[in-house]
Amino acid sequence: MRALVVTAVGAESDSVLTGLTPHPDSPGPEPRTLPPGRPRTKSGEGYLITRRDLPGIAFDVLVGGVGPAAAAAGTATALALAENPYGLVVSAGIGGGFVPAAPVGSLVVADAIVAADLGAQTPDGFVDVASLGFGRSVHLPPAELAARAAEATGALLAPVLTVSTVTGTADGAAALAARHPMAGAEAMEGFGVAEAAAAHGLPVLEIRAVSNAVGPRDRAAWRIGDALTALAEGFRVLGPVLANWGERHEQHRGQR
């Protein structure tokens, strides 16, 4: 099976690739760009993608950009230009955790990928886009895959919220928690990745390493290095889990 892993920035991609490297000191393949021949620039043209081959599964790790729109565009481009079909798309990176369920340095695997701020403000409060009748606001990863990934990595299995504006106040955090009381984390790309995957008929998974608590913006309390290390460790054990799931998934499809 081939899996596409989509991160927002290069530091997240590097952590994923570190986790997917059997021997960290061994050189990996050179990254390439999509479309071919268009190097990624500061203006965001082109997409950087690097491959890792593990037993039973090949990973393409894409730097797709920050936010749901960039993530959707990058994911859709990679899927459309793929020389061979993918069997799974994974949104991965760091994010904010809803404490105490998801403390800094922990991992969260999504059992639901939620567009938390896509909708409308009304006198009665926020109404999501699905309730407005304009589309969907939730994507559900394969339940068995999400559960196995969470168990293998020691992650919290919970909804991950996608927001276009990161929460930076106590009131904002309280409002999100009230609307999504089971949420484990927030980030900015998962729903965009999931929309692109769904358009291509592919299952999606999201995993987040917690770098800070959702709430008042306090840069001094952020632990980005710890979160990136946790992300790498998570992918160190995720490879065999995804390979095993992919093998059984393909067998099931072949029997239908």
Protein backbone atom coordinates (compact mmCIF):
# COMPACT_ATOMS: atom_id res chain seq x y z
CA MET A 1 0.00 0.00 0.00
CA ARG A 2 1.00 3.60 -0.54
CA ALA A 3 0.09 6.30 1.95
CA LEU A 4 0.25 10.07 1.54
CA VAL A 5 1.19 11.92 4.74
CA VAL A 6 0.43 15.64 4.65
CA THR A 7 2.10 18.12 6.99
CA ALA A 8 1.85 21.91 7.07
CA VAL A 9 5.53 22.83 7.39
CA GLY A 10 8.96 21.35 6.88
CA ALA A 11 9.71 20.78 10.57
CA GLU A 12 6.68 18.50 10.86
CA SER A 13 7.66 16.67 7.68
CA ASP A 14 11.18 16.16 9.03
CA SER A 15 9.79 14.62 12.23
CA VAL A 16 7.52 12.26 10.29
CA LEU A 17 10.41 11.20 8.07
CA THR A 18 12.63 10.65 11.10
CA GLY A 19 10.02 8.33 12.55
CA LEU A 20 9.68 6.46 9.26
CA THR A 21 13.46 5.92 8.89
CA PRO A 22 14.47 2.45 10.19
CA HIS A 23 18.01 3.69 10.82
CA PRO A 24 18.03 7.42 11.62
CA ASP A 25 21.66 7.85 10.50
CA SER A 26 21.05 6.36 7.07
CA PRO A 27 20.54 8.79 4.17
CA GLY A 28 17.06 8.96 2.74
CA PRO A 29 15.84 9.70 -0.77
CA GLU A 30 16.06 13.21 -2.10
CA PRO A 31 12.83 15.21 -1.90
CA ARG A 32 11.12 16.06 -5.16
CA THR A 33 8.55 18.67 -6.09
CA LEU A 34 5.03 18.57 -7.45
CA PRO A 35 4.47 19.45 -10.21
CA PRO A 36 7.86 18.15 -11.39
CA GLY A 37 10.37 20.83 -12.24
CA ARG A 38 8.66 23.54 -10.17
CA PRO A 39 10.69 23.94 -6.98
CA ARG A 40 8.85 25.15 -3.92
CA THR A 41 9.46 28.85 -3.40
CA LYS A 42 8.80 31.33 -0.62
CA SER A 43 5.59 32.26 -2.39
CA GLY A 44 4.39 28.67 -2.03
CA GLU A 45 4.61 27.53 -5.66
CA GLY A 46 5.08 23.80 -5.93
CA TYR A 47 4.94 21.14 -3.19
CA LEU A 48 7.85 19.35 -1.56
CA ILE A 49 7.34 15.59 -1.21
CA THR A 50 9.68 12.86 0.08
CA ARG A 51 9.29 9.09 -0.09
CA ARG A 52 10.02 6.46 2.55
CA ASP A 53 9.68 2.74 1.83
CA LEU A 54 8.95 0.38 4.73
CA PRO A 55 8.02 -3.33 4.65
CA GLY A 56 4.52 -3.58 3.24
CA ILE A 57 3.96 0.15 2.79
CA ALA A 58 5.41 3.18 1.02
CA PHE A 59 4.96 6.70 2.39
CA ASP A 60 5.02 9.96 0.49
CA VAL A 61 5.41 12.85 2.95
CA LEU A 62 4.11 16.14 1.59
CA VAL A 63 4.64 19.69 2.88
CA GLY A 64 1.22 21.03 1.97
CA GLY A 65 1.08 24.46 3.62
CA VAL A 66 -0.64 26.05 6.60
CA GLY A 67 -4.42 26.16 6.98
CA PRO A 68 -7.29 24.11 5.58
CA ALA A 69 -7.31 25.71 2.12
CA ALA A 70 -3.59 25.20 1.51
CA ALA A 71 -3.79 21.67 2.91
CA ALA A 72 -6.70 20.77 0.64
CA ALA A 73 -4.96 22.22 -2.42
CA GLY A 74 -1.67 20.46 -1.69
CA THR A 75 -3.33 17.13 -0.95
CA ALA A 76 -5.52 17.30 -4.05
CA THR A 77 -2.50 18.14 -6.21
CA ALA A 78 -0.51 15.19 -4.89
CA LEU A 79 -3.42 12.79 -5.34
CA ALA A 80 -4.18 14.02 -8.85
CA LEU A 81 -0.55 13.77 -9.98
CA ALA A 82 0.19 10.42 -8.34
CA GLU A 83 1.85 7.96 -10.69
CA ASN A 84 0.45 5.07 -8.62
CA PRO A 85 -2.73 5.17 -6.52
CA TYR A 86 -2.71 5.80 -2.80
CA GLY A 87 -4.67 3.70 -0.32
CA LEU A 88 -4.65 6.11 2.62
CA VAL A 89 -4.14 9.81 3.38
CA VAL A 90 -2.80 10.96 6.76
CA SER A 91 -2.87 14.50 8.15
CA ALA A 92 -0.01 14.87 10.62
CA GLY A 93 1.66 17.58 12.64
CA ILE A 94 1.57 19.47 15.90
CA GLY A 95 -1.39 21.25 17.46
CA GLY A 96 -3.03 22.50 20.61
CA GLY A 97 -4.38 20.05 23.17
CA PHE A 98 -7.47 20.29 25.33
CA VAL A 99 -6.12 19.78 28.82
CA PRO A 100 -6.14 17.73 30.93
CA ALA A 101 -7.13 15.03 28.42
CA ALA A 102 -4.32 15.90 25.99
CA PRO A 103 -1.31 17.37 27.82
CA VAL A 104 1.70 18.93 26.13
CA GLY A 105 3.94 16.27 24.60
CA SER A 106 1.13 13.74 24.13
CA LEU A 107 -0.42 12.43 20.91
CA VAL A 108 -4.01 12.59 19.72
CA VAL A 109 -5.44 10.36 16.98
CA ALA A 110 -8.69 11.60 15.51
CA ASP A 111 -11.82 9.50 15.65
CA ALA A 112 -13.51 12.48 13.96
CA ILE A 113 -12.04 15.33 11.92
CA VAL A 114 -14.21 18.38 12.55
CA ALA A 115 -14.47 21.73 10.76
CA ALA A 116 -14.96 23.63 14.00
CA ASP A 117 -15.30 27.19 12.69
CA LEU A 118 -16.86 26.61 9.25
CA GLY A 119 -20.40 27.93 9.47
CA ALA A 120 -22.24 31.00 10.67
CA GLN A 121 -22.60 33.10 13.80
CA THR A 122 -26.25 33.60 14.76
CA PRO A 123 -28.03 35.28 17.68
CA ASP A 124 -28.37 31.79 19.15
CA GLY A 125 -24.69 30.93 18.70
CA PHE A 126 -22.52 29.18 16.13
CA VAL A 127 -24.17 26.95 13.48
CA ASP A 128 -21.90 24.61 11.53
CA VAL A 129 -21.98 24.32 7.77
CA ALA A 130 -23.71 20.92 7.84
CA SER A 131 -26.59 22.30 9.92
CA LEU A 132 -26.86 25.16 7.44
CA GLY A 133 -27.36 22.61 4.68
CA PHE A 134 -24.25 23.58 2.72
CA GLY A 135 -22.07 20.49 3.08
CA ARG A 136 -20.41 18.43 5.74
CA SER A 137 -18.52 19.46 8.83
CA VAL A 138 -17.16 16.08 9.97
CA HIS A 139 -15.06 13.33 8.39
CA LEU A 140 -14.77 9.97 10.14
CA PRO A 141 -11.53 8.01 9.80
CA PRO A 142 -11.87 4.21 9.63
CA ALA A 143 -12.78 3.31 13.21
CA GLU A 144 -10.60 0.21 13.45
CA LEU A 145 -7.58 1.98 11.98
CA ALA A 146 -7.92 4.98 14.29
CA ALA A 147 -8.31 2.75 17.34
CA ARG A 148 -5.28 0.62 16.43
CA ALA A 149 -3.17 3.71 15.71
CA ALA A 150 -4.11 5.26 19.05
CA GLU A 151 -3.38 2.05 20.94
CA ALA A 152 -0.01 1.53 19.26
CA THR A 153 1.18 5.10 19.85
CA GLY A 154 -0.35 5.58 23.30
CA ALA A 155 -2.42 8.44 21.89
CA LEU A 156 -5.74 9.81 23.03
CA LEU A 157 -8.50 8.76 20.61
CA ALA A 158 -10.75 11.80 20.27
CA PRO A 159 -12.09 14.36 17.79
CA VAL A 160 -9.53 16.75 16.34
CA LEU A 161 -10.89 20.19 15.46
CA THR A 162 -9.77 22.09 12.37
CA VAL A 163 -9.76 25.87 12.80
CA SER A 164 -8.66 28.67 10.50
CA THR A 165 -7.74 30.87 13.46
CA VAL A 166 -5.88 29.22 16.33
CA THR A 167 -7.59 29.68 19.68
CA GLY A 168 -5.76 32.26 21.80
CA THR A 169 -8.11 33.18 24.66
CA ALA A 170 -9.77 31.43 27.57
CA ASP A 171 -13.21 32.45 26.28
CA GLY A 172 -12.45 31.00 22.86
CA ALA A 173 -11.25 27.75 24.36
CA ALA A 174 -14.34 27.51 26.56
CA ALA A 175 -16.63 28.10 23.59
CA LEU A 176 -14.94 25.37 21.54
CA ALA A 177 -15.00 22.94 24.46
CA ALA A 178 -18.69 23.64 25.00
CA ARG A 179 -19.51 22.88 21.37
CA HIS A 180 -17.14 19.88 21.21
CA PRO A 181 -16.85 18.48 24.75
CA MET A 182 -15.03 15.32 23.62
CA ALA A 183 -12.39 17.15 21.53
CA GLY A 184 -8.76 16.22 22.10
CA ALA A 185 -6.89 18.74 19.98
CA GLU A 186 -7.15 21.59 17.50
CA ALA A 187 -5.05 22.21 14.42
CA MET A 188 -5.40 23.97 11.09
CA GLU A 189 -5.19 21.37 8.31
CA GLY A 190 -7.01 18.11 9.03
CA PHE A 191 -10.39 18.94 7.53
CA GLY A 192 -8.79 20.30 4.35
CA VAL A 193 -6.77 17.11 3.94
CA ALA A 194 -9.88 15.04 4.62
CA GLU A 195 -11.94 16.94 2.02
CA ALA A 196 -9.33 16.24 -0.66
CA ALA A 197 -9.07 12.57 0.34
CA ALA A 198 -12.85 12.18 0.23
CA ALA A 199 -12.97 13.72 -3.25
CA HIS A 200 -10.67 10.90 -4.37
CA GLY A 201 -12.60 8.23 -2.45
CA LEU A 202 -9.76 7.59 0.02
CA PRO A 203 -9.82 6.96 3.78
CA VAL A 204 -8.14 9.54 6.00
CA LEU A 205 -6.41 9.52 9.37
CA GLU A 206 -5.21 12.45 11.50
CA ILE A 207 -2.55 12.40 14.21
CA ARG A 208 -1.46 15.43 16.25
CA ALA A 209 1.36 15.93 18.72
CA VAL A 210 0.45 18.50 21.37
CA SER A 211 2.77 21.50 21.57
CA ASN A 212 0.59 23.76 23.73
CA ALA A 213 -2.68 23.91 25.59
CA VAL A 214 -5.73 25.29 23.79
CA GLY A 215 -6.41 28.63 25.49
CA PRO A 216 -4.62 31.90 26.22
CA ARG A 217 -1.72 32.41 23.82
CA ASP A 218 1.49 31.96 25.81
CA ARG A 219 4.52 31.42 23.59
CA ALA A 220 6.76 30.82 26.60
CA ALA A 221 4.71 27.74 27.50
CA TRP A 222 4.89 26.16 24.06
CA ARG A 223 6.95 22.97 23.73
CA ILE A 224 7.30 22.63 19.98
CA GLY A 225 10.49 20.56 20.22
CA ASP A 226 8.84 18.07 22.56
CA ALA A 227 5.84 17.83 20.25
CA LEU A 228 8.01 17.21 17.17
CA THR A 229 9.88 14.48 19.05
CA ALA A 230 6.57 12.88 20.04
CA LEU A 231 5.43 13.04 16.41
CA ALA A 232 8.56 11.23 15.27
CA GLU A 233 8.14 8.56 17.96
CA GLY A 234 4.52 8.12 16.96
CA PHE A 235 5.43 7.46 13.34
CA ARG A 236 8.15 5.07 14.43
CA VAL A 237 5.43 2.64 15.53
CA LEU A 238 2.71 3.70 13.09
CA GLY A 239 4.41 2.25 10.01
CA PRO A 240 3.71 -1.44 10.81
CA VAL A 241 0.18 -0.61 12.02
CA LEU A 242 -0.71 1.13 8.76
CA ALA A 243 0.96 -1.59 6.69
CA ASN A 244 -1.04 -4.30 8.46
CA TRP A 245 -4.30 -2.37 8.08
CA GLY A 246 -3.57 -1.68 4.43
CA GLU A 247 -2.95 -5.35 3.68
CA ARG A 248 -6.23 -6.41 5.29
CA HIS A 249 -8.08 -3.48 3.69
CA GLU A 250 -6.87 -4.47 0.22
CA GLN A 251 -7.77 -8.12 0.84
CA HIS A 252 -11.27 -7.07 1.88
CA ARG A 253 -11.68 -4.93 -1.22
CA GLY A 254 -10.51 -7.81 -3.40
CA GLN A 255 -13.12 -10.14 -1.92
CA ARG A 256 -16.04 -7.83 -2.65
